[in-house]
Amino acid sequence: MAQGSPTKGDWVAWVGSYEDLVAGRRGELRIRIKDNKNSWDSAYPGVEVLASGAVITTTYGHWEEGEAPYILSVRIENFPPPSE
């Protein structure tokens, strides 16, 4: 959860390299998967990369205002190619 980020606490996919992580860089891109209605309790997802390159991710969160948290799975396809 990036401090000051407009998506802090939301379900966000970060795409970057190991070197980006080590250096504290922003990476290639961030994808806001779902707006969490609770400011902190969500998105400790499992992530699976399929042979096709698609990503399946599953987590819980407060996806509807005033409702109990529940689990969602999302399939993300067609990532842009990494920059050279």
N, C-alpha and C. Protein backbone atom coordinates (compact mmCIF):
# COMPACT_ATOMS: atom_id res chain seq x y z
N MET A 1 0.85 -1.18 0.00
CA MET A 1 0.00 0.00 0.00
C MET A 1 0.89 1.24 0.00
N ALA A 2 0.95 1.88 -1.11
CA ALA A 2 1.80 3.06 -1.24
C ALA A 2 1.20 4.25 -0.51
N GLN A 3 1.97 4.86 0.40
CA GLN A 3 1.51 6.05 1.11
C GLN A 3 1.17 7.15 0.10
N GLY A 4 0.06 7.81 0.33
CA GLY A 4 -0.34 8.91 -0.53
C GLY A 4 -0.95 8.50 -1.86
N SER A 5 -1.04 7.22 -2.10
CA SER A 5 -1.59 6.75 -3.37
C SER A 5 -3.12 6.86 -3.37
N PRO A 6 -3.72 7.25 -4.49
CA PRO A 6 -5.18 7.28 -4.56
C PRO A 6 -5.80 5.88 -4.51
N THR A 7 -5.00 4.85 -4.67
CA THR A 7 -5.50 3.48 -4.62
C THR A 7 -5.04 2.75 -3.35
N LYS A 8 -4.55 3.49 -2.35
CA LYS A 8 -4.09 2.85 -1.11
C LYS A 8 -5.23 2.04 -0.50
N GLY A 9 -4.94 0.78 -0.18
CA GLY A 9 -5.92 -0.10 0.40
C GLY A 9 -6.76 -0.87 -0.61
N ASP A 10 -6.68 -0.51 -1.88
CA ASP A 10 -7.44 -1.20 -2.93
C ASP A 10 -6.67 -2.43 -3.41
N TRP A 11 -7.32 -3.24 -4.22
CA TRP A 11 -6.70 -4.41 -4.83
C TRP A 11 -5.99 -3.93 -6.08
N VAL A 12 -4.68 -3.90 -6.03
CA VAL A 12 -3.88 -3.35 -7.11
C VAL A 12 -2.81 -4.36 -7.53
N ALA A 13 -2.67 -4.55 -8.82
CA ALA A 13 -1.58 -5.39 -9.35
C ALA A 13 -0.43 -4.48 -9.73
N TRP A 14 0.74 -4.80 -9.24
CA TRP A 14 1.96 -4.06 -9.58
C TRP A 14 2.74 -4.92 -10.57
N VAL A 15 3.17 -4.33 -11.67
CA VAL A 15 3.92 -5.04 -12.69
C VAL A 15 5.28 -4.37 -12.83
N GLY A 16 6.32 -5.13 -12.60
CA GLY A 16 7.67 -4.60 -12.70
C GLY A 16 8.67 -5.74 -12.55
N SER A 17 9.92 -5.37 -12.47
CA SER A 17 10.99 -6.37 -12.37
C SER A 17 11.48 -6.48 -10.93
N TYR A 18 12.21 -7.54 -10.69
CA TYR A 18 12.85 -7.71 -9.38
C TYR A 18 13.76 -6.52 -9.10
N GLU A 19 14.46 -6.07 -10.12
CA GLU A 19 15.35 -4.92 -9.97
C GLU A 19 14.57 -3.67 -9.55
N ASP A 20 13.36 -3.50 -10.09
CA ASP A 20 12.51 -2.38 -9.67
C ASP A 20 12.21 -2.47 -8.17
N LEU A 21 11.88 -3.67 -7.71
CA LEU A 21 11.59 -3.85 -6.29
C LEU A 21 12.79 -3.49 -5.43
N VAL A 22 13.94 -4.03 -5.78
CA VAL A 22 15.15 -3.80 -5.00
C VAL A 22 15.50 -2.32 -4.95
N ALA A 23 15.34 -1.63 -6.07
CA ALA A 23 15.71 -0.22 -6.16
C ALA A 23 14.59 0.72 -5.69
N GLY A 24 13.43 0.16 -5.34
CA GLY A 24 12.32 1.00 -4.90
C GLY A 24 11.69 1.82 -6.00
N ARG A 25 11.82 1.33 -7.26
CA ARG A 25 11.23 2.05 -8.40
C ARG A 25 9.76 1.71 -8.56
N ARG A 26 9.06 2.53 -9.32
CA ARG A 26 7.62 2.38 -9.51
C ARG A 26 7.23 1.17 -10.35
N GLY A 27 8.14 0.63 -11.15
CA GLY A 27 7.81 -0.51 -12.00
C GLY A 27 7.20 -0.06 -13.31
N GLU A 28 6.69 -1.04 -14.06
CA GLU A 28 6.12 -0.77 -15.38
C GLU A 28 4.74 -0.13 -15.30
N LEU A 29 3.87 -0.72 -14.47
CA LEU A 29 2.51 -0.19 -14.35
C LEU A 29 1.83 -0.76 -13.13
N ARG A 30 0.73 -0.12 -12.77
CA ARG A 30 -0.14 -0.59 -11.70
C ARG A 30 -1.54 -0.71 -12.29
N ILE A 31 -2.25 -1.78 -11.91
CA ILE A 31 -3.60 -2.01 -12.39
C ILE A 31 -4.52 -2.05 -11.17
N ARG A 32 -5.45 -1.11 -11.09
CA ARG A 32 -6.43 -1.14 -9.99
C ARG A 32 -7.48 -2.17 -10.35
N ILE A 33 -7.47 -3.27 -9.63
CA ILE A 33 -8.39 -4.37 -9.93
C ILE A 33 -9.77 -4.08 -9.33
N LYS A 34 -9.78 -3.62 -8.08
CA LYS A 34 -11.07 -3.40 -7.42
C LYS A 34 -10.90 -2.39 -6.29
N ASP A 35 -11.88 -1.50 -6.16
CA ASP A 35 -11.92 -0.49 -5.10
C ASP A 35 -12.37 -1.15 -3.81
N ASN A 36 -11.50 -1.14 -2.80
CA ASN A 36 -11.86 -1.69 -1.50
C ASN A 36 -12.57 -0.62 -0.68
N LYS A 37 -13.72 -0.92 -0.14
CA LYS A 37 -14.50 0.05 0.62
C LYS A 37 -14.02 0.18 2.06
N ASN A 38 -13.07 -0.65 2.47
CA ASN A 38 -12.44 -0.55 3.78
C ASN A 38 -11.01 -0.10 3.51
N SER A 39 -10.54 0.88 4.25
CA SER A 39 -9.26 1.51 3.92
C SER A 39 -8.03 0.64 4.12
N TRP A 40 -8.17 -0.52 4.74
CA TRP A 40 -6.95 -1.29 4.98
C TRP A 40 -7.12 -2.80 4.88
N ASP A 41 -8.30 -3.32 4.99
CA ASP A 41 -8.47 -4.77 5.11
C ASP A 41 -8.81 -5.43 3.78
N SER A 42 -7.79 -5.69 2.95
CA SER A 42 -8.02 -6.40 1.69
C SER A 42 -6.72 -6.81 1.05
N ALA A 43 -6.86 -7.59 0.01
CA ALA A 43 -5.86 -7.82 -1.01
C ALA A 43 -4.53 -8.37 -0.52
N TYR A 44 -4.58 -9.58 -0.02
CA TYR A 44 -3.38 -10.39 0.20
C TYR A 44 -3.52 -11.58 -0.74
N PRO A 45 -3.44 -11.32 -2.05
CA PRO A 45 -3.90 -12.31 -3.03
C PRO A 45 -2.91 -13.43 -3.32
N GLY A 46 -3.49 -14.54 -3.69
CA GLY A 46 -2.73 -15.57 -4.36
C GLY A 46 -2.65 -15.17 -5.83
N VAL A 47 -1.55 -15.49 -6.47
CA VAL A 47 -1.34 -15.11 -7.87
C VAL A 47 -0.81 -16.31 -8.63
N GLU A 48 -1.41 -16.60 -9.76
CA GLU A 48 -0.96 -17.71 -10.62
C GLU A 48 -0.79 -17.18 -12.03
N VAL A 49 0.37 -17.42 -12.62
CA VAL A 49 0.62 -17.04 -14.01
C VAL A 49 0.43 -18.29 -14.86
N LEU A 50 -0.50 -18.24 -15.79
CA LEU A 50 -0.79 -19.38 -16.65
C LEU A 50 0.20 -19.45 -17.81
N ALA A 51 0.25 -20.59 -18.47
CA ALA A 51 1.16 -20.77 -19.61
C ALA A 51 0.88 -19.75 -20.71
N SER A 52 -0.36 -19.30 -20.82
CA SER A 52 -0.72 -18.31 -21.83
C SER A 52 -0.21 -16.90 -21.49
N GLY A 53 0.27 -16.73 -20.26
CA GLY A 53 0.69 -15.41 -19.80
C GLY A 53 -0.39 -14.69 -19.01
N ALA A 54 -1.62 -15.22 -19.04
CA ALA A 54 -2.70 -14.64 -18.25
C ALA A 54 -2.39 -14.83 -16.76
N VAL A 55 -2.92 -13.95 -15.95
CA VAL A 55 -2.73 -14.00 -14.50
C VAL A 55 -4.09 -14.22 -13.84
N ILE A 56 -4.14 -15.17 -12.92
CA ILE A 56 -5.32 -15.39 -12.08
C ILE A 56 -4.93 -14.94 -10.68
N THR A 57 -5.74 -14.09 -10.07
CA THR A 57 -5.48 -13.64 -8.71
C THR A 57 -6.77 -13.70 -7.92
N THR A 58 -6.65 -14.10 -6.65
CA THR A 58 -7.81 -14.30 -5.79
C THR A 58 -7.53 -13.66 -4.43
N THR A 59 -8.49 -12.91 -3.93
CA THR A 59 -8.35 -12.30 -2.60
C THR A 59 -9.72 -11.97 -2.03
N TYR A 60 -9.70 -11.50 -0.80
CA TYR A 60 -10.93 -11.04 -0.16
C TYR A 60 -10.88 -9.53 -0.02
N GLY A 61 -12.01 -8.94 0.24
CA GLY A 61 -12.05 -7.51 0.49
C GLY A 61 -13.47 -7.06 0.75
N HIS A 62 -13.60 -5.81 1.08
CA HIS A 62 -14.90 -5.17 1.32
C HIS A 62 -15.28 -4.47 0.02
N TRP A 63 -15.90 -5.18 -0.87
CA TRP A 63 -16.15 -4.67 -2.23
C TRP A 63 -17.44 -3.88 -2.35
N GLU A 64 -18.31 -3.98 -1.35
CA GLU A 64 -19.57 -3.22 -1.36
C GLU A 64 -19.72 -2.50 -0.03
N GLU A 65 -20.02 -1.23 -0.08
CA GLU A 65 -20.16 -0.40 1.11
C GLU A 65 -21.14 -1.02 2.11
N GLY A 66 -20.68 -1.17 3.36
CA GLY A 66 -21.55 -1.68 4.41
C GLY A 66 -21.76 -3.17 4.41
N GLU A 67 -21.18 -3.89 3.47
CA GLU A 67 -21.35 -5.35 3.38
C GLU A 67 -20.13 -6.06 3.96
N ALA A 68 -20.31 -7.30 4.35
CA ALA A 68 -19.20 -8.12 4.84
C ALA A 68 -18.22 -8.39 3.70
N PRO A 69 -16.95 -8.61 4.03
CA PRO A 69 -15.98 -8.92 2.97
C PRO A 69 -16.30 -10.27 2.33
N TYR A 70 -15.89 -10.41 1.07
CA TYR A 70 -16.04 -11.69 0.39
C TYR A 70 -14.89 -11.88 -0.59
N ILE A 71 -14.78 -13.08 -1.12
CA ILE A 71 -13.66 -13.47 -1.97
C ILE A 71 -14.01 -13.29 -3.44
N LEU A 72 -13.05 -12.77 -4.20
CA LEU A 72 -13.18 -12.63 -5.65
C LEU A 72 -11.95 -13.20 -6.34
N SER A 73 -12.14 -13.71 -7.54
CA SER A 73 -11.03 -14.09 -8.43
C SER A 73 -11.14 -13.28 -9.70
N VAL A 74 -9.98 -12.90 -10.23
CA VAL A 74 -9.94 -12.11 -11.46
C VAL A 74 -8.90 -12.73 -12.39
N ARG A 75 -9.23 -12.79 -13.66
CA ARG A 75 -8.28 -13.23 -14.69
C ARG A 75 -7.88 -11.99 -15.49
N ILE A 76 -6.59 -11.74 -15.58
CA ILE A 76 -6.07 -10.58 -16.30
C ILE A 76 -5.29 -11.10 -17.50
N GLU A 77 -5.68 -10.64 -18.69
CA GLU A 77 -5.01 -11.08 -19.91
C GLU A 77 -4.49 -9.87 -20.67
N ASN A 78 -3.69 -10.15 -21.67
CA ASN A 78 -3.21 -9.12 -22.60
C ASN A 78 -2.41 -8.03 -21.92
N PHE A 79 -1.49 -8.44 -21.04
CA PHE A 79 -0.58 -7.46 -20.47
C PHE A 79 0.21 -6.83 -21.59
N PRO A 80 0.52 -5.54 -21.49
CA PRO A 80 1.40 -4.96 -22.51
C PRO A 80 2.78 -5.58 -22.39
N PRO A 81 3.50 -5.70 -23.50
CA PRO A 81 4.84 -6.28 -23.43
C PRO A 81 5.74 -5.41 -22.57
N PRO A 82 6.70 -6.01 -21.86
CA PRO A 82 7.61 -5.20 -21.03
C PRO A 82 8.44 -4.27 -21.90
N SER A 83 8.77 -3.11 -21.35
CA SER A 83 9.62 -2.18 -22.10
C SER A 83 11.02 -2.72 -22.14
N GLU A 84 11.72 -2.40 -23.21
CA GLU A 84 13.09 -2.89 -23.39
C GLU A 84 14.07 -1.96 -22.74
